[in-house]
Amino acid sequence: MSQAVIRHLPEQQCFVLDVQGQQARLDYQLSTDAAGKPMQVNFTHTFVPEVARGQGLAEQLVRAGLSWARARQLQIVASCWYVAKFLR
């Protein structure tokens, strides 16, 4: 599986990669403490355009998101069933 170029767009709370003129993405929501410091991330949704499915792109997005969250010592929650598979 080739490694795609994944971009983190913190202002949109997502990780994205461009594929055949479309965008695959992993969306998340950050929760903060009273001081505004990020404490928890909830990965809410993954999407890969139909033309690019079955190539491991969703897995690459999830691994990038989890790596980012762990590096920041955020508590990780997954509303998205696909992300939840990686947390088991």
Protein backbone atom coordinates (compact mmCIF):
# COMPACT_ATOMS: atom_id res chain seq x y z
CA MET A 1 0.00 0.00 0.00
CA SER A 2 1.52 3.31 -1.04
CA GLN A 3 1.57 6.13 1.48
CA ALA A 4 -0.80 8.96 0.57
CA VAL A 5 -0.08 12.60 1.39
CA ILE A 6 -2.31 13.34 4.35
CA ARG A 7 -2.94 16.91 5.40
CA HIS A 8 -4.17 17.95 8.84
CA LEU A 9 -6.60 20.87 8.74
CA PRO A 10 -6.99 21.81 12.41
CA GLU A 11 -9.29 24.76 11.67
CA GLN A 12 -11.72 22.29 10.05
CA GLN A 13 -10.97 19.53 12.57
CA CYS A 14 -10.12 16.92 9.98
CA PHE A 15 -7.40 14.98 8.19
CA VAL A 16 -7.71 14.86 4.40
CA LEU A 17 -6.09 13.46 1.32
CA ASP A 18 -6.83 14.23 -2.29
CA VAL A 19 -7.69 11.31 -4.51
CA GLN A 20 -8.73 11.54 -8.16
CA GLY A 21 -10.05 15.08 -7.80
CA GLN A 22 -12.03 14.24 -4.67
CA GLN A 23 -11.25 14.26 -0.97
CA ALA A 24 -11.05 11.43 1.53
CA ARG A 25 -11.33 12.60 5.12
CA LEU A 26 -11.33 11.79 8.81
CA ASP A 27 -13.39 14.23 10.88
CA TYR A 28 -12.99 14.84 14.59
CA GLN A 29 -14.21 17.07 17.41
CA LEU A 30 -11.98 18.41 20.16
CA SER A 31 -13.16 18.89 23.74
CA THR A 32 -11.29 21.33 25.93
CA ASP A 33 -10.96 21.96 29.63
CA ALA A 34 -12.03 25.19 31.36
CA ALA A 35 -8.77 26.86 30.32
CA GLY A 36 -9.29 25.95 26.66
CA LYS A 37 -6.63 23.24 26.59
CA PRO A 38 -7.56 20.27 24.34
CA MET A 39 -8.25 17.21 26.50
CA GLN A 40 -10.21 14.77 24.32
CA VAL A 41 -10.67 14.03 20.65
CA ASN A 42 -13.70 12.25 19.24
CA PHE A 43 -13.16 10.82 15.77
CA THR A 44 -16.63 11.15 14.28
CA HIS A 45 -16.53 10.15 10.62
CA THR A 46 -14.38 8.68 7.87
CA PHE A 47 -15.14 9.00 4.19
CA VAL A 48 -13.37 7.72 1.08
CA PRO A 49 -14.81 8.44 -2.38
CA GLU A 50 -16.21 5.33 -4.03
CA VAL A 51 -13.60 5.38 -6.81
CA ALA A 52 -10.81 5.06 -4.23
CA ARG A 53 -12.26 2.51 -1.82
CA GLY A 54 -10.43 -0.71 -1.09
CA GLN A 55 -6.97 0.88 -1.30
CA GLY A 56 -6.33 1.34 2.42
CA LEU A 57 -6.83 5.11 2.39
CA ALA A 58 -9.26 5.15 5.33
CA GLU A 59 -6.74 3.15 7.37
CA GLN A 60 -4.00 5.64 6.53
CA LEU A 61 -6.21 8.53 7.62
CA VAL A 62 -7.12 6.81 10.89
CA ARG A 63 -3.51 5.93 11.69
CA ALA A 64 -2.48 9.55 11.06
CA GLY A 65 -5.28 10.86 13.29
CA LEU A 66 -4.52 8.43 16.11
CA SER A 67 -0.80 9.19 15.92
CA TRP A 68 -1.54 12.92 16.15
CA ALA A 69 -3.88 12.44 19.14
CA ARG A 70 -1.46 10.18 21.00
CA ALA A 71 1.44 12.58 20.44
CA ARG A 72 -0.66 15.26 22.18
CA GLN A 73 -1.74 12.88 24.94
CA LEU A 74 -5.41 13.42 24.17
CA GLN A 75 -8.05 11.04 25.42
CA ILE A 76 -9.35 9.25 22.31
CA VAL A 77 -13.03 8.49 21.68
CA ALA A 78 -14.49 7.10 18.48
CA SER A 79 -18.08 7.74 17.43
CA CYS A 80 -17.06 6.39 14.03
CA TRP A 81 -17.31 2.59 13.87
CA TYR A 82 -14.29 2.36 11.57
CA VAL A 83 -12.02 4.24 13.97
CA ALA A 84 -13.38 2.21 16.89
CA LYS A 85 -11.99 -0.95 15.24
CA PHE A 86 -8.48 0.44 15.71
CA LEU A 87 -9.04 1.12 19.41
CA ARG A 88 -10.05 -2.45 20.31
